[in-house]
Amino acid sequence: GDGKVFVVKVADVLAIRTGKRGNEAI
């Protein structure tokens, strides 16, 4: 029961305050 880790592809990210997208938004 140590746990699990899941990796999921992310298509896009949007930073609400700045409007930046993708890697710049994270």
PDB file of all heavy atoms in Angstrom:
ATOM      1  N   GLY A   1       0.789  -1.223   0.000  1.00  0.00           N
ATOM      2  CA  GLY A   1       0.000   0.000   0.000  1.00  0.00           C
ATOM      3  C   GLY A   1       0.826   1.280   0.000  1.00  0.00           C
ATOM      4  O   GLY A   1       0.346   2.329   0.409  1.00  0.00           O
ATOM      5  N   ASP A   2       2.069   1.206  -0.464  1.00  0.00           N
ATOM      6  CA  ASP A   2       2.892   2.414  -0.554  1.00  0.00           C
ATOM      7  C   ASP A   2       2.269   3.464  -1.467  1.00  0.00           C
ATOM      8  O   ASP A   2       2.491   4.646  -1.287  1.00  0.00           O
ATOM      9  CB  ASP A   2       4.297   2.090  -1.072  1.00  0.00           C
ATOM     10  CG  ASP A   2       5.292   1.841   0.046  1.00  0.00           C
ATOM     11  OD1 ASP A   2       4.945   2.023   1.222  1.00  0.00           O
ATOM     12  OD2 ASP A   2       6.441   1.474  -0.274  1.00  0.00           O
ATOM     13  N   GLY A   3       1.483   3.034  -2.440  1.00  0.00           N
ATOM     14  CA  GLY A   3       0.800   3.989  -3.305  1.00  0.00           C
ATOM     15  C   GLY A   3       1.081   3.761  -4.774  1.00  0.00           C
ATOM     16  O   GLY A   3       1.707   2.783  -5.175  1.00  0.00           O
ATOM     17  N   LYS A   4       0.637   4.713  -5.567  1.00  0.00           N
ATOM     18  CA  LYS A   4       0.796   4.665  -7.021  1.00  0.00           C
ATOM     19  C   LYS A   4       1.084   6.081  -7.517  1.00  0.00           C
ATOM     20  O   LYS A   4       0.708   7.070  -6.902  1.00  0.00           O
ATOM     21  CB  LYS A   4      -0.495   4.201  -7.707  1.00  0.00           C
ATOM     22  CG  LYS A   4      -0.932   2.796  -7.384  1.00  0.00           C
ATOM     23  CD  LYS A   4      -0.286   1.798  -8.314  1.00  0.00           C
ATOM     24  CE  LYS A   4      -0.942   0.452  -8.239  1.00  0.00           C
ATOM     25  NZ  LYS A   4      -0.444  -0.429  -7.239  1.00  0.00           N
ATOM     26  N   VAL A   5       1.734   6.139  -8.691  1.00  0.00           N
ATOM     27  CA  VAL A   5       1.971   7.414  -9.361  1.00  0.00           C
ATOM     28  C   VAL A   5       1.484   7.263 -10.795  1.00  0.00           C
ATOM     29  O   VAL A   5       1.811   6.291 -11.475  1.00  0.00           O
ATOM     30  CB  VAL A   5       3.463   7.805  -9.349  1.00  0.00           C
ATOM     31  CG1 VAL A   5       3.669   9.143 -10.034  1.00  0.00           C
ATOM     32  CG2 VAL A   5       4.002   7.844  -7.927  1.00  0.00           C
ATOM     33  N   PHE A   6       0.694   8.231 -11.241  1.00  0.00           N
ATOM     34  CA  PHE A   6       0.156   8.228 -12.598  1.00  0.00           C
ATOM     35  C   PHE A   6       0.737   9.421 -13.353  1.00  0.00           C
ATOM     36  O   PHE A   6       0.847  10.515 -12.792  1.00  0.00           O
ATOM     37  CB  PHE A   6      -1.373   8.344 -12.574  1.00  0.00           C
ATOM     38  CG  PHE A   6      -2.025   7.274 -11.739  1.00  0.00           C
ATOM     39  CD1 PHE A   6      -2.305   7.493 -10.407  1.00  0.00           C
ATOM     40  CD2 PHE A   6      -2.330   6.041 -12.290  1.00  0.00           C
ATOM     41  CE1 PHE A   6      -2.900   6.509  -9.624  1.00  0.00           C
ATOM     42  CE2 PHE A   6      -2.915   5.042 -11.517  1.00  0.00           C
ATOM     43  CZ  PHE A   6      -3.195   5.287 -10.179  1.00  0.00           C
ATOM     44  N   VAL A   7       1.080   9.202 -14.610  1.00  0.00           N
ATOM     45  CA  VAL A   7       1.615  10.273 -15.449  1.00  0.00           C
ATOM     46  C   VAL A   7       0.686  10.420 -16.650  1.00  0.00           C
ATOM     47  O   VAL A   7       0.439   9.453 -17.371  1.00  0.00           O
ATOM     48  CB  VAL A   7       3.053   9.948 -15.920  1.00  0.00           C
ATOM     49  CG1 VAL A   7       3.592  11.078 -16.790  1.00  0.00           C
ATOM     50  CG2 VAL A   7       3.963   9.693 -14.723  1.00  0.00           C
ATOM     51  N   VAL A   8       0.188  11.638 -16.848  1.00  0.00           N
ATOM     52  CA  VAL A   8      -0.791  11.911 -17.902  1.00  0.00           C
ATOM     53  C   VAL A   8      -0.288  13.065 -18.770  1.00  0.00           C
ATOM     54  O   VAL A   8       0.175  14.086 -18.244  1.00  0.00           O
ATOM     55  CB  VAL A   8      -2.150  12.289 -17.271  1.00  0.00           C
ATOM     56  CG1 VAL A   8      -3.188  12.566 -18.342  1.00  0.00           C
ATOM     57  CG2 VAL A   8      -2.619  11.206 -16.317  1.00  0.00           C
ATOM     58  N   LYS A   9      -0.395  12.902 -20.073  1.00  0.00           N
ATOM     59  CA  LYS A   9      -0.001  13.966 -21.001  1.00  0.00           C
ATOM     60  C   LYS A   9      -0.955  15.156 -20.856  1.00  0.00           C
ATOM     61  O   LYS A   9      -2.173  14.985 -20.781  1.00  0.00           O
ATOM     62  CB  LYS A   9      -0.043  13.448 -22.431  1.00  0.00           C
ATOM     63  CG  LYS A   9       0.487  14.410 -23.462  1.00  0.00           C
ATOM     64  CD  LYS A   9       0.403  13.815 -24.848  1.00  0.00           C
ATOM     65  CE  LYS A   9       1.776  13.855 -25.453  1.00  0.00           C
ATOM     66  NZ  LYS A   9       1.789  13.302 -26.807  1.00  0.00           N
ATOM     67  N   VAL A  10      -0.395  16.363 -20.806  1.00  0.00           N
ATOM     68  CA  VAL A  10      -1.190  17.589 -20.703  1.00  0.00           C
ATOM     69  C   VAL A  10      -1.123  18.310 -22.049  1.00  0.00           C
ATOM     70  O   VAL A  10      -0.027  18.634 -22.533  1.00  0.00           O
ATOM     71  CB  VAL A  10      -0.651  18.509 -19.577  1.00  0.00           C
ATOM     72  CG1 VAL A  10      -1.385  19.827 -19.555  1.00  0.00           C
ATOM     73  CG2 VAL A  10      -0.767  17.808 -18.233  1.00  0.00           C
ATOM     74  N   ALA A  11      -2.272  18.558 -22.651  1.00  0.00           N
ATOM     75  CA  ALA A  11      -2.311  19.202 -23.957  1.00  0.00           C
ATOM     76  C   ALA A  11      -2.003  20.691 -23.873  1.00  0.00           C
ATOM     77  O   ALA A  11      -1.346  21.252 -24.753  1.00  0.00           O
ATOM     78  CB  ALA A  11      -3.685  18.989 -24.601  1.00  0.00           C
ATOM     79  N   ASP A  12      -2.465  21.356 -22.823  1.00  0.00           N
ATOM     80  CA  ASP A  12      -2.257  22.796 -22.710  1.00  0.00           C
ATOM     81  C   ASP A  12      -2.519  23.236 -21.278  1.00  0.00           C
ATOM     82  O   ASP A  12      -3.172  22.531 -20.507  1.00  0.00           O
ATOM     83  CB  ASP A  12      -3.202  23.544 -23.661  1.00  0.00           C
ATOM     84  CG  ASP A  12      -2.740  24.957 -23.975  1.00  0.00           C
ATOM     85  OD1 ASP A  12      -1.649  25.362 -23.507  1.00  0.00           O
ATOM     86  OD2 ASP A  12      -3.473  25.661 -24.683  1.00  0.00           O
ATOM     87  N   VAL A  13      -1.999  24.390 -20.939  1.00  0.00           N
ATOM     88  CA  VAL A  13      -2.231  25.019 -19.644  1.00  0.00           C
ATOM     89  C   VAL A  13      -2.465  26.496 -19.908  1.00  0.00           C
ATOM     90  O   VAL A  13      -1.804  27.091 -20.756  1.00  0.00           O
ATOM     91  CB  VAL A  13      -1.013  24.858 -18.699  1.00  0.00           C
ATOM     92  CG1 VAL A  13      -1.239  25.598 -17.401  1.00  0.00           C
ATOM     93  CG2 VAL A  13      -0.727  23.393 -18.437  1.00  0.00           C
ATOM     94  N   LEU A  14      -3.389  27.083 -19.177  1.00  0.00           N
ATOM     95  CA  LEU A  14      -3.660  28.513 -19.274  1.00  0.00           C
ATOM     96  C   LEU A  14      -3.550  29.123 -17.884  1.00  0.00           C
ATOM     97  O   LEU A  14      -4.233  28.678 -16.964  1.00  0.00           O
ATOM     98  CB  LEU A  14      -5.065  28.769 -19.827  1.00  0.00           C
ATOM     99  CG  LEU A  14      -5.588  30.201 -19.726  1.00  0.00           C
ATOM    100  CD1 LEU A  14      -4.788  31.141 -20.612  1.00  0.00           C
ATOM    101  CD2 LEU A  14      -7.059  30.255 -20.077  1.00  0.00           C
ATOM    102  N   ALA A  15      -2.683  30.131 -17.731  1.00  0.00           N
ATOM    103  CA  ALA A  15      -2.601  30.873 -16.477  1.00  0.00           C
ATOM    104  C   ALA A  15      -3.673  31.958 -16.543  1.00  0.00           C
ATOM    105  O   ALA A  15      -3.623  32.842 -17.413  1.00  0.00           O
ATOM    106  CB  ALA A  15      -1.224  31.489 -16.293  1.00  0.00           C
ATOM    107  N   ILE A  16      -4.640  31.878 -15.672  1.00  0.00           N
ATOM    108  CA  ILE A  16      -5.789  32.782 -15.732  1.00  0.00           C
ATOM    109  C   ILE A  16      -5.375  34.250 -15.609  1.00  0.00           C
ATOM    110  O   ILE A  16      -5.818  35.097 -16.380  1.00  0.00           O
ATOM    111  CB  ILE A  16      -6.822  32.400 -14.653  1.00  0.00           C
ATOM    112  CG1 ILE A  16      -7.386  31.020 -14.973  1.00  0.00           C
ATOM    113  CG2 ILE A  16      -7.929  33.442 -14.565  1.00  0.00           C
ATOM    114  CD1 ILE A  16      -8.253  30.434 -13.886  1.00  0.00           C
ATOM    115  N   ARG A  17      -4.519  34.562 -14.637  1.00  0.00           N
ATOM    116  CA  ARG A  17      -4.149  35.970 -14.404  1.00  0.00           C
ATOM    117  C   ARG A  17      -3.362  36.567 -15.565  1.00  0.00           C
ATOM    118  O   ARG A  17      -3.659  37.669 -16.026  1.00  0.00           O
ATOM    119  CB  ARG A  17      -3.334  36.102 -13.117  1.00  0.00           C
ATOM    120  CG  ARG A  17      -2.951  37.552 -12.791  1.00  0.00           C
ATOM    121  CD  ARG A  17      -2.124  37.659 -11.518  1.00  0.00           C
ATOM    122  NE  ARG A  17      -0.869  36.943 -11.562  1.00  0.00           N
ATOM    123  CZ  ARG A  17       0.266  37.409 -12.107  1.00  0.00           C
ATOM    124  NH1 ARG A  17       0.296  38.597 -12.655  1.00  0.00           N
ATOM    125  NH2 ARG A  17       1.357  36.674 -12.089  1.00  0.00           N
ATOM    126  N   THR A  18      -2.353  35.839 -16.080  1.00  0.00           N
ATOM    127  CA  THR A  18      -1.455  36.411 -17.084  1.00  0.00           C
ATOM    128  C   THR A  18      -1.840  36.089 -18.521  1.00  0.00           C
ATOM    129  O   THR A  18      -1.382  36.751 -19.443  1.00  0.00           O
ATOM    130  CB  THR A  18      -0.023  35.899 -16.871  1.00  0.00           C
ATOM    131  OG1 THR A  18       0.000  34.480 -17.088  1.00  0.00           O
ATOM    132  CG2 THR A  18       0.486  36.263 -15.493  1.00  0.00           C
ATOM    133  N   GLY A  19      -2.627  35.047 -18.714  1.00  0.00           N
ATOM    134  CA  GLY A  19      -2.973  34.614 -20.051  1.00  0.00           C
ATOM    135  C   GLY A  19      -1.895  33.780 -20.709  1.00  0.00           C
ATOM    136  O   GLY A  19      -2.025  33.374 -21.852  1.00  0.00           O
ATOM    137  N   LYS A  20      -0.793  33.499 -19.989  1.00  0.00           N
ATOM    138  CA  LYS A  20       0.271  32.679 -20.551  1.00  0.00           C
ATOM    139  C   LYS A  20      -0.228  31.259 -20.773  1.00  0.00           C
ATOM    140  O   LYS A  20      -1.132  30.796 -20.075  1.00  0.00           O
ATOM    141  CB  LYS A  20       1.483  32.660 -19.638  1.00  0.00           C
ATOM    142  CG  LYS A  20       2.194  34.000 -19.585  1.00  0.00           C
ATOM    143  CD  LYS A  20       3.403  33.945 -18.686  1.00  0.00           C
ATOM    144  CE  LYS A  20       4.099  35.292 -18.660  1.00  0.00           C
ATOM    145  NZ  LYS A  20       5.284  35.278 -17.790  1.00  0.00           N
ATOM    146  N   ARG A  21       0.385  30.577 -21.760  1.00  0.00           N
ATOM    147  CA  ARG A  21      -0.031  29.222 -22.105  1.00  0.00           C
ATOM    148  C   ARG A  21       1.162  28.290 -22.136  1.00  0.00           C
ATOM    149  O   ARG A  21       2.297  28.714 -22.245  1.00  0.00           O
ATOM    150  CB  ARG A  21      -0.709  29.215 -23.479  1.00  0.00           C
ATOM    151  CG  ARG A  21      -1.778  30.244 -23.681  1.00  0.00           C
ATOM    152  CD  ARG A  21      -3.177  29.856 -23.668  1.00  0.00           C
ATOM    153  NE  ARG A  21      -3.655  28.588 -24.020  1.00  0.00           N
ATOM    154  CZ  ARG A  21      -4.645  28.387 -24.880  1.00  0.00           C
ATOM    155  NH1 ARG A  21      -5.183  29.403 -25.537  1.00  0.00           N
ATOM    156  NH2 ARG A  21      -5.098  27.188 -25.090  1.00  0.00           N
ATOM    157  N   GLY A  22       0.873  26.997 -22.048  1.00  0.00           N
ATOM    158  CA  GLY A  22       1.907  25.974 -22.159  1.00  0.00           C
ATOM    159  C   GLY A  22       2.905  26.020 -21.012  1.00  0.00           C
ATOM    160  O   GLY A  22       2.559  26.329 -19.879  1.00  0.00           O
ATOM    161  N   ASN A  23       4.169  25.705 -21.335  1.00  0.00           N
ATOM    162  CA  ASN A  23       5.216  25.677 -20.319  1.00  0.00           C
ATOM    163  C   ASN A  23       5.348  26.998 -19.564  1.00  0.00           C
ATOM    164  O   ASN A  23       5.701  27.015 -18.406  1.00  0.00           O
ATOM    165  CB  ASN A  23       6.573  25.286 -20.922  1.00  0.00           C
ATOM    166  CG  ASN A  23       6.694  23.799 -21.167  1.00  0.00           C
ATOM    167  OD1 ASN A  23       6.121  22.998 -20.442  1.00  0.00           O
ATOM    168  ND2 ASN A  23       7.439  23.421 -22.179  1.00  0.00           N
ATOM    169  N   GLU A  24       5.097  28.104 -20.240  1.00  0.00           N
ATOM    170  CA  GLU A  24       5.185  29.418 -19.589  1.00  0.00           C
ATOM    171  C   GLU A  24       4.126  29.575 -18.512  1.00  0.00           C
ATOM    172  O   GLU A  24       4.299  30.350 -17.581  1.00  0.00           O
ATOM    173  CB  GLU A  24       5.029  30.541 -20.611  1.00  0.00           C
ATOM    174  CG  GLU A  24       6.202  30.692 -21.552  1.00  0.00           C
ATOM    175  CD  GLU A  24       6.020  31.858 -22.509  1.00  0.00           C
ATOM    176  OE1 GLU A  24       5.112  32.696 -22.276  1.00  0.00           O
ATOM    177  OE2 GLU A  24       6.798  31.928 -23.472  1.00  0.00           O
ATOM    178  N   ALA A  25       3.037  28.840 -18.611  1.00  0.00           N
ATOM    179  CA  ALA A  25       1.945  28.960 -17.633  1.00  0.00           C
ATOM    180  C   ALA A  25       2.186  28.134 -16.387  1.00  0.00           C
ATOM    181  O   ALA A  25       1.556  28.365 -15.362  1.00  0.00           O
ATOM    182  CB  ALA A  25       0.625  28.548 -18.272  1.00  0.00           C
ATOM    183  N   ILE A  26       3.092  27.168 -16.469  1.00  0.00           N
ATOM    184  CA  ILE A  26       3.346  26.367 -15.284  1.00  0.00           C
ATOM    185  C   ILE A  26       4.557  26.902 -14.570  1.00  0.00           C
ATOM    186  O   ILE A  26       4.799  26.817 -13.464  1.00  0.00           O
ATOM    187  CB  ILE A  26       3.497  24.861 -15.571  1.00  0.00           C
ATOM    188  CG1 ILE A  26       4.605  24.572 -16.565  1.00  0.00           C
ATOM    189  CG2 ILE A  26       2.182  24.292 -16.061  1.00  0.00           C
ATOM    190  CD1 ILE A  26       4.929  23.118 -16.747  1.00  0.00           C
TER     191      ILE A  26
END
